[in-house]
Amino acid sequence: MKSLTADHIEPLDHKSNRSIRDAIGERFQQILRPDPTNHSSRLQHLIDELRRRDEVDGR
């Protein structure tokens, strides 16, 4: 089996590298964002309770 190498590929400059990583990160956030409509009522209640407690503790 012939191995593939990246000998002919030039390295990306920092600005391009960062731009690509940011774009990938944004896509992952969109794809992996939780859908609150899929939560059971019990789970939604617990999430709401945690938010309420965070607000009270954060004063």
PDB file of N, CA and C in Angstrom:
ATOM      1  N   MET A   1       0.850  -1.188   0.000  1.00  0.00           N
ATOM      2  CA  MET A   1       0.000   0.000   0.000  1.00  0.00           C
ATOM      3  C   MET A   1       0.890   1.244   0.000  1.00  0.00           C
ATOM      4  N   LYS A   2       0.583   2.152  -0.866  1.00  0.00           N
ATOM      5  CA  LYS A   2       1.361   3.378  -0.971  1.00  0.00           C
ATOM      6  C   LYS A   2       0.900   4.356   0.110  1.00  0.00           C
ATOM      7  N   SER A   3       1.857   4.899   0.859  1.00  0.00           N
ATOM      8  CA  SER A   3       1.494   5.846   1.914  1.00  0.00           C
ATOM      9  C   SER A   3       1.361   7.250   1.336  1.00  0.00           C
ATOM     10  N   LEU A   4       0.444   7.994   1.890  1.00  0.00           N
ATOM     11  CA  LEU A   4       0.243   9.375   1.462  1.00  0.00           C
ATOM     12  C   LEU A   4       1.063  10.289   2.366  1.00  0.00           C
ATOM     13  N   THR A   5       1.761  11.215   1.771  1.00  0.00           N
ATOM     14  CA  THR A   5       2.530  12.169   2.562  1.00  0.00           C
ATOM     15  C   THR A   5       2.136  13.580   2.168  1.00  0.00           C
ATOM     16  N   ALA A   6       2.456  14.487   3.040  1.00  0.00           N
ATOM     17  CA  ALA A   6       2.128  15.887   2.802  1.00  0.00           C
ATOM     18  C   ALA A   6       3.386  16.675   2.449  1.00  0.00           C
ATOM     19  N   ASP A   7       4.347  16.018   1.806  1.00  0.00           N
ATOM     20  CA  ASP A   7       5.606  16.671   1.466  1.00  0.00           C
ATOM     21  C   ASP A   7       5.413  17.855   0.518  1.00  0.00           C
ATOM     22  N   HIS A   8       4.414  17.787  -0.328  1.00  0.00           N
ATOM     23  CA  HIS A   8       4.212  18.826  -1.336  1.00  0.00           C
ATOM     24  C   HIS A   8       3.305  19.965  -0.852  1.00  0.00           C
ATOM     25  N   ILE A   9       2.808  19.860   0.366  1.00  0.00           N
ATOM     26  CA  ILE A   9       1.877  20.870   0.888  1.00  0.00           C
ATOM     27  C   ILE A   9       2.641  21.918   1.687  1.00  0.00           C
ATOM     28  N   GLU A  10       2.377  23.176   1.383  1.00  0.00           N
ATOM     29  CA  GLU A  10       3.003  24.258   2.137  1.00  0.00           C
ATOM     30  C   GLU A  10       2.241  24.481   3.443  1.00  0.00           C
ATOM     31  N   PRO A  11       2.937  24.796   4.521  1.00  0.00           N
ATOM     32  CA  PRO A  11       2.247  25.040   5.789  1.00  0.00           C
ATOM     33  C   PRO A  11       1.391  26.309   5.713  1.00  0.00           C
ATOM     34  N   LEU A  12       0.315  26.306   6.460  1.00  0.00           N
ATOM     35  CA  LEU A  12      -0.561  27.485   6.496  1.00  0.00           C
ATOM     36  C   LEU A  12       0.054  28.562   7.378  1.00  0.00           C
ATOM     37  N   ASP A  13      -0.152  29.791   6.980  1.00  0.00           N
ATOM     38  CA  ASP A  13       0.286  30.881   7.832  1.00  0.00           C
ATOM     39  C   ASP A  13      -0.660  30.974   9.029  1.00  0.00           C
ATOM     40  N   HIS A  14      -0.238  31.663  10.061  1.00  0.00           N
ATOM     41  CA  HIS A  14      -1.003  31.734  11.311  1.00  0.00           C
ATOM     42  C   HIS A  14      -2.413  32.284  11.090  1.00  0.00           C
ATOM     43  N   LYS A  15      -2.530  33.335  10.274  1.00  0.00           N
ATOM     44  CA  LYS A  15      -3.834  33.961  10.055  1.00  0.00           C
ATOM     45  C   LYS A  15      -4.807  32.987   9.382  1.00  0.00           C
ATOM     46  N   SER A  16      -4.355  32.277   8.371  1.00  0.00           N
ATOM     47  CA  SER A  16      -5.221  31.308   7.678  1.00  0.00           C
ATOM     48  C   SER A  16      -5.579  30.153   8.596  1.00  0.00           C
ATOM     49  N   ASN A  17      -4.586  29.664   9.334  1.00  0.00           N
ATOM     50  CA  ASN A  17      -4.810  28.571  10.266  1.00  0.00           C
ATOM     51  C   ASN A  17      -5.877  28.946  11.285  1.00  0.00           C
ATOM     52  N   ARG A  18      -5.750  30.135  11.849  1.00  0.00           N
ATOM     53  CA  ARG A  18      -6.705  30.611  12.860  1.00  0.00           C
ATOM     54  C   ARG A  18      -8.100  30.763  12.259  1.00  0.00           C
ATOM     55  N   SER A  19      -8.179  31.281  11.047  1.00  0.00           N
ATOM     56  CA  SER A  19      -9.464  31.480  10.383  1.00  0.00           C
ATOM     57  C   SER A  19     -10.172  30.149  10.150  1.00  0.00           C
ATOM     58  N   ILE A  20      -9.422  29.156   9.718  1.00  0.00           N
ATOM     59  CA  ILE A  20      -9.999  27.827   9.475  1.00  0.00           C
ATOM     60  C   ILE A  20     -10.483  27.217  10.788  1.00  0.00           C
ATOM     61  N   ARG A  21      -9.654  27.309  11.835  1.00  0.00           N
ATOM     62  CA  ARG A  21     -10.054  26.747  13.132  1.00  0.00           C
ATOM     63  C   ARG A  21     -11.293  27.444  13.691  1.00  0.00           C
ATOM     64  N   ASP A  22     -11.375  28.758  13.534  1.00  0.00           N
ATOM     65  CA  ASP A  22     -12.559  29.493  13.998  1.00  0.00           C
ATOM     66  C   ASP A  22     -13.813  29.047  13.247  1.00  0.00           C
ATOM     67  N   ALA A  23     -13.679  28.877  11.929  1.00  0.00           N
ATOM     68  CA  ALA A  23     -14.829  28.449  11.123  1.00  0.00           C
ATOM     69  C   ALA A  23     -15.285  27.053  11.527  1.00  0.00           C
ATOM     70  N   ILE A  24     -14.339  26.153  11.758  1.00  0.00           N
ATOM     71  CA  ILE A  24     -14.693  24.801  12.194  1.00  0.00           C
ATOM     72  C   ILE A  24     -15.371  24.848  13.562  1.00  0.00           C
ATOM     73  N   GLY A  25     -14.837  25.661  14.466  1.00  0.00           N
ATOM     74  CA  GLY A  25     -15.434  25.799  15.795  1.00  0.00           C
ATOM     75  C   GLY A  25     -16.864  26.320  15.730  1.00  0.00           C
ATOM     76  N   GLU A  26     -17.103  27.303  14.877  1.00  0.00           N
ATOM     77  CA  GLU A  26     -18.458  27.846  14.716  1.00  0.00           C
ATOM     78  C   GLU A  26     -19.418  26.780  14.193  1.00  0.00           C
ATOM     79  N   ARG A  27     -18.950  25.998  13.229  1.00  0.00           N
ATOM     80  CA  ARG A  27     -19.807  24.929  12.685  1.00  0.00           C
ATOM     81  C   ARG A  27     -20.131  23.889  13.753  1.00  0.00           C
ATOM     82  N   PHE A  28     -19.121  23.502  14.546  1.00  0.00           N
ATOM     83  CA  PHE A  28     -19.358  22.544  15.618  1.00  0.00           C
ATOM     84  C   PHE A  28     -20.368  23.084  16.618  1.00  0.00           C
ATOM     85  N   GLN A  29     -20.259  24.366  16.952  1.00  0.00           N
ATOM     86  CA  GLN A  29     -21.215  24.959  17.893  1.00  0.00           C
ATOM     87  C   GLN A  29     -22.625  24.911  17.331  1.00  0.00           C
ATOM     88  N   GLN A  30     -22.779  25.166  16.046  1.00  0.00           N
ATOM     89  CA  GLN A  30     -24.104  25.114  15.421  1.00  0.00           C
ATOM     90  C   GLN A  30     -24.643  23.690  15.384  1.00  0.00           C
ATOM     91  N   ILE A  31     -23.789  22.754  15.030  1.00  0.00           N
ATOM     92  CA  ILE A  31     -24.214  21.366  14.898  1.00  0.00           C
ATOM     93  C   ILE A  31     -24.504  20.740  16.256  1.00  0.00           C
ATOM     94  N   LEU A  32     -23.662  21.036  17.229  1.00  0.00           N
ATOM     95  CA  LEU A  32     -23.756  20.373  18.528  1.00  0.00           C
ATOM     96  C   LEU A  32     -24.597  21.141  19.547  1.00  0.00           C
ATOM     97  N   ARG A  33     -25.156  22.273  19.142  1.00  0.00           N
ATOM     98  CA  ARG A  33     -25.970  23.067  20.064  1.00  0.00           C
ATOM     99  C   ARG A  33     -27.166  22.234  20.518  1.00  0.00           C
ATOM    100  N   PRO A  34     -27.373  22.158  21.833  1.00  0.00           N
ATOM    101  CA  PRO A  34     -28.512  21.365  22.310  1.00  0.00           C
ATOM    102  C   PRO A  34     -29.845  21.980  21.879  1.00  0.00           C
ATOM    103  N   ASP A  35     -30.784  21.129  21.584  1.00  0.00           N
ATOM    104  CA  ASP A  35     -32.117  21.559  21.170  1.00  0.00           C
ATOM    105  C   ASP A  35     -33.035  21.473  22.384  1.00  0.00           C
ATOM    106  N   PRO A  36     -33.410  22.620  22.969  1.00  0.00           N
ATOM    107  CA  PRO A  36     -34.225  22.596  24.182  1.00  0.00           C
ATOM    108  C   PRO A  36     -35.601  21.967  23.991  1.00  0.00           C
ATOM    109  N   THR A  37     -36.057  21.852  22.758  1.00  0.00           N
ATOM    110  CA  THR A  37     -37.373  21.233  22.543  1.00  0.00           C
ATOM    111  C   THR A  37     -37.319  19.724  22.726  1.00  0.00           C
ATOM    112  N   ASN A  38     -36.092  19.159  22.764  1.00  0.00           N
ATOM    113  CA  ASN A  38     -35.944  17.716  22.947  1.00  0.00           C
ATOM    114  C   ASN A  38     -35.818  17.322  24.421  1.00  0.00           C
ATOM    115  N   HIS A  39     -35.756  18.291  25.316  1.00  0.00           N
ATOM    116  CA  HIS A  39     -35.628  17.983  26.736  1.00  0.00           C
ATOM    117  C   HIS A  39     -36.957  17.465  27.292  1.00  0.00           C
ATOM    118  N   SER A  40     -36.842  16.480  28.171  1.00  0.00           N
ATOM    119  CA  SER A  40     -38.040  16.045  28.876  1.00  0.00           C
ATOM    120  C   SER A  40     -38.448  17.168  29.834  1.00  0.00           C
ATOM    121  N   SER A  41     -39.674  17.153  30.275  1.00  0.00           N
ATOM    122  CA  SER A  41     -40.137  18.206  31.185  1.00  0.00           C
ATOM    123  C   SER A  41     -39.340  18.175  32.488  1.00  0.00           C
ATOM    124  N   ARG A  42     -38.962  16.991  32.957  1.00  0.00           N
ATOM    125  CA  ARG A  42     -38.165  16.871  34.186  1.00  0.00           C
ATOM    126  C   ARG A  42     -36.782  17.485  33.999  1.00  0.00           C
ATOM    127  N   LEU A  43     -36.144  17.179  32.881  1.00  0.00           N
ATOM    128  CA  LEU A  43     -34.827  17.747  32.611  1.00  0.00           C
ATOM    129  C   LEU A  43     -34.909  19.257  32.464  1.00  0.00           C
ATOM    130  N   GLN A  44     -35.932  19.752  31.772  1.00  0.00           N
ATOM    131  CA  GLN A  44     -36.093  21.197  31.620  1.00  0.00           C
ATOM    132  C   GLN A  44     -36.302  21.857  32.972  1.00  0.00           C
ATOM    133  N   HIS A  45     -37.057  21.228  33.856  1.00  0.00           N
ATOM    134  CA  HIS A  45     -37.264  21.751  35.207  1.00  0.00           C
ATOM    135  C   HIS A  45     -35.929  21.850  35.947  1.00  0.00           C
ATOM    136  N   LEU A  46     -35.094  20.823  35.844  1.00  0.00           N
ATOM    137  CA  LEU A  46     -33.798  20.830  36.523  1.00  0.00           C
ATOM    138  C   LEU A  46     -32.872  21.900  35.954  1.00  0.00           C
ATOM    139  N   ILE A  47     -32.875  22.062  34.638  1.00  0.00           N
ATOM    140  CA  ILE A  47     -32.064  23.112  34.010  1.00  0.00           C
ATOM    141  C   ILE A  47     -32.516  24.486  34.484  1.00  0.00           C
ATOM    142  N   ASP A  48     -33.815  24.702  34.518  1.00  0.00           N
ATOM    143  CA  ASP A  48     -34.347  25.982  34.994  1.00  0.00           C
ATOM    144  C   ASP A  48     -33.966  26.232  36.448  1.00  0.00           C
ATOM    145  N   GLU A  49     -34.009  25.185  37.255  1.00  0.00           N
ATOM    146  CA  GLU A  49     -33.649  25.312  38.675  1.00  0.00           C
ATOM    147  C   GLU A  49     -32.172  25.668  38.824  1.00  0.00           C
ATOM    148  N   LEU A  50     -31.327  25.048  38.045  1.00  0.00           N
ATOM    149  CA  LEU A  50     -29.896  25.392  38.095  1.00  0.00           C
ATOM    150  C   LEU A  50     -29.653  26.839  37.695  1.00  0.00           C
ATOM    151  N   ARG A  51     -30.343  27.299  36.651  1.00  0.00           N
ATOM    152  CA  ARG A  51     -30.196  28.702  36.237  1.00  0.00           C
ATOM    153  C   ARG A  51     -30.660  29.644  37.334  1.00  0.00           C
ATOM    154  N   ARG A  52     -31.788  29.294  37.977  1.00  0.00           N
ATOM    155  CA  ARG A  52     -32.306  30.128  39.052  1.00  0.00           C
ATOM    156  C   ARG A  52     -31.296  30.199  40.192  1.00  0.00           C
ATOM    157  N   ARG A  53     -30.725  29.067  40.562  1.00  0.00           N
ATOM    158  CA  ARG A  53     -29.744  29.044  41.649  1.00  0.00           C
ATOM    159  C   ARG A  53     -28.483  29.821  41.283  1.00  0.00           C
ATOM    160  N   ASP A  54     -28.058  29.722  40.028  1.00  0.00           N
ATOM    161  CA  ASP A  54     -26.896  30.487  39.582  1.00  0.00           C
ATOM    162  C   ASP A  54     -27.160  31.989  39.710  1.00  0.00           C
ATOM    163  N   GLU A  55     -28.362  32.416  39.353  1.00  0.00           N
ATOM    164  CA  GLU A  55     -28.709  33.831  39.451  1.00  0.00           C
ATOM    165  C   GLU A  55     -28.724  34.292  40.902  1.00  0.00           C
ATOM    166  N   VAL A  56     -29.258  33.466  41.787  1.00  0.00           N
ATOM    167  CA  VAL A  56     -29.325  33.816  43.211  1.00  0.00           C
ATOM    168  C   VAL A  56     -27.909  33.864  43.800  1.00  0.00           C
ATOM    169  N   ASP A  57     -27.077  32.887  43.470  1.00  0.00           N
ATOM    170  CA  ASP A  57     -25.711  32.824  43.996  1.00  0.00           C
ATOM    171  C   ASP A  57     -24.826  33.909  43.403  1.00  0.00           C
ATOM    172  N   GLY A  58     -25.139  34.365  42.208  1.00  0.00           N
ATOM    173  CA  GLY A  58     -24.316  35.351  41.520  1.00  0.00           C
ATOM    174  C   GLY A  58     -24.554  36.788  41.932  1.00  0.00           C
ATOM    175  N   ARG A  59     -25.476  37.010  42.829  1.00  0.00           N
ATOM    176  CA  ARG A  59     -25.785  38.393  43.237  1.00  0.00           C
ATOM    177  C   ARG A  59     -24.632  39.072  43.863  1.00  0.00           C
TER     178      ARG A  59
END
